[in-house]
Amino acid sequence: MINEETYCIDILTQISSITSALNNVALSLLDDHVRHCVVRAAQTDGPAAEEKLTEAADAIARLVRS
């Protein structure tokens, strides 16, 4: 779009749409991870559970910062 000299506002609108779509994908992946991997690890307890919880918390923190 830039090479085609598209109007700046139109480019910004597309960037906003793409950002929103990527955020939705990230949230969906995080939800799936928590519902499956974290729950499964928590049911077995032990170090794997703690690792998965930390992993999920770190992922949430990264999403919140972005």
C-alpha atoms as a PDB file:
ATOM      1  CA  MET A   1       0.000   0.000   0.000  1.00  0.00           C
ATOM      2  CA  ILE A   2       2.883   2.344   0.754  1.00  0.00           C
ATOM      3  CA  ASN A   3       4.543   1.589  -2.567  1.00  0.00           C
ATOM      4  CA  GLU A   4       1.238   2.331  -4.259  1.00  0.00           C
ATOM      5  CA  GLU A   5       1.082   5.663  -2.387  1.00  0.00           C
ATOM      6  CA  THR A   6      -2.196   4.773  -0.711  1.00  0.00           C
ATOM      7  CA  TYR A   7      -3.673   7.489   1.495  1.00  0.00           C
ATOM      8  CA  CYS A   8      -2.001   7.375   4.939  1.00  0.00           C
ATOM      9  CA  ILE A   9      -5.273   7.092   6.858  1.00  0.00           C
ATOM     10  CA  ASP A  10      -6.272   4.069   4.792  1.00  0.00           C
ATOM     11  CA  ILE A  11      -2.953   2.399   5.621  1.00  0.00           C
ATOM     12  CA  LEU A  12      -3.401   3.164   9.323  1.00  0.00           C
ATOM     13  CA  THR A  13      -6.913   1.698   9.186  1.00  0.00           C
ATOM     14  CA  GLN A  14      -5.512  -1.515   7.697  1.00  0.00           C
ATOM     15  CA  ILE A  15      -2.777  -1.665  10.340  1.00  0.00           C
ATOM     16  CA  SER A  16      -5.405  -1.262  13.051  1.00  0.00           C
ATOM     17  CA  SER A  17      -7.491  -4.069  11.552  1.00  0.00           C
ATOM     18  CA  ILE A  18      -4.494  -6.380  11.304  1.00  0.00           C
ATOM     19  CA  THR A  19      -3.437  -5.606  14.880  1.00  0.00           C
ATOM     20  CA  SER A  20      -6.934  -6.380  16.134  1.00  0.00           C
ATOM     21  CA  ALA A  21      -7.039  -9.652  14.203  1.00  0.00           C
ATOM     22  CA  LEU A  22      -3.648 -10.708  15.583  1.00  0.00           C
ATOM     23  CA  ASN A  23      -4.764  -9.865  19.127  1.00  0.00           C
ATOM     24  CA  ASN A  24      -7.837 -12.054  18.641  1.00  0.00           C
ATOM     25  CA  VAL A  25      -5.672 -14.934  17.418  1.00  0.00           C
ATOM     26  CA  ALA A  26      -3.322 -14.495  20.386  1.00  0.00           C
ATOM     27  CA  LEU A  27      -6.210 -14.527  22.864  1.00  0.00           C
ATOM     28  CA  SER A  28      -7.682 -17.610  21.241  1.00  0.00           C
ATOM     29  CA  LEU A  29      -4.346 -19.436  21.423  1.00  0.00           C
ATOM     30  CA  LEU A  30      -3.898 -18.412  25.045  1.00  0.00           C
ATOM     31  CA  ASP A  31      -7.402 -19.599  25.902  1.00  0.00           C
ATOM     32  CA  ASP A  32      -6.743 -22.939  24.226  1.00  0.00           C
ATOM     33  CA  HIS A  33      -3.409 -23.288  26.023  1.00  0.00           C
ATOM     34  CA  VAL A  34      -4.945 -22.592  29.422  1.00  0.00           C
ATOM     35  CA  ARG A  35      -7.938 -24.874  28.862  1.00  0.00           C
ATOM     36  CA  HIS A  36      -5.832 -27.796  27.698  1.00  0.00           C
ATOM     37  CA  CYS A  37      -2.133 -27.649  28.556  1.00  0.00           C
ATOM     38  CA  VAL A  38      -2.368 -25.787  31.856  1.00  0.00           C
ATOM     39  CA  VAL A  39      -5.407 -27.713  33.098  1.00  0.00           C
ATOM     40  CA  ARG A  40      -3.791 -31.029  32.169  1.00  0.00           C
ATOM     41  CA  ALA A  41      -0.576 -30.074  33.947  1.00  0.00           C
ATOM     42  CA  ALA A  42      -2.475 -28.847  37.019  1.00  0.00           C
ATOM     43  CA  GLN A  43      -4.291 -32.158  37.269  1.00  0.00           C
ATOM     44  CA  THR A  44      -0.976 -34.001  37.445  1.00  0.00           C
ATOM     45  CA  ASP A  45       0.488 -31.471  39.899  1.00  0.00           C
ATOM     46  CA  GLY A  46       4.216 -31.227  40.475  1.00  0.00           C
ATOM     47  CA  PRO A  47       6.833 -29.191  38.617  1.00  0.00           C
ATOM     48  CA  ALA A  48       5.048 -29.462  35.262  1.00  0.00           C
ATOM     49  CA  ALA A  49       2.001 -27.685  36.681  1.00  0.00           C
ATOM     50  CA  GLU A  50       4.097 -24.858  38.085  1.00  0.00           C
ATOM     51  CA  GLU A  51       5.951 -24.538  34.789  1.00  0.00           C
ATOM     52  CA  LYS A  52       2.730 -24.318  32.756  1.00  0.00           C
ATOM     53  CA  LEU A  53       1.220 -21.751  35.143  1.00  0.00           C
ATOM     54  CA  THR A  54       4.347 -19.608  34.936  1.00  0.00           C
ATOM     55  CA  GLU A  55       4.366 -19.973  31.166  1.00  0.00           C
ATOM     56  CA  ALA A  56       0.727 -18.842  30.952  1.00  0.00           C
ATOM     57  CA  ALA A  57       1.313 -15.906  33.317  1.00  0.00           C
ATOM     58  CA  ASP A  58       4.292 -14.780  31.244  1.00  0.00           C
ATOM     59  CA  ALA A  59       2.245 -15.016  28.039  1.00  0.00           C
ATOM     60  CA  ILE A  60      -0.544 -12.944  29.596  1.00  0.00           C
ATOM     61  CA  ALA A  61       1.977 -10.325  30.722  1.00  0.00           C
ATOM     62  CA  ARG A  62       3.413 -10.100  27.195  1.00  0.00           C
ATOM     63  CA  LEU A  63      -0.066  -9.647  25.716  1.00  0.00           C
ATOM     64  CA  VAL A  64      -0.967  -6.946  28.211  1.00  0.00           C
ATOM     65  CA  ARG A  65       2.247  -5.029  27.461  1.00  0.00           C
ATOM     66  CA  SER A  66       1.727  -5.116  23.706  1.00  0.00           C
END
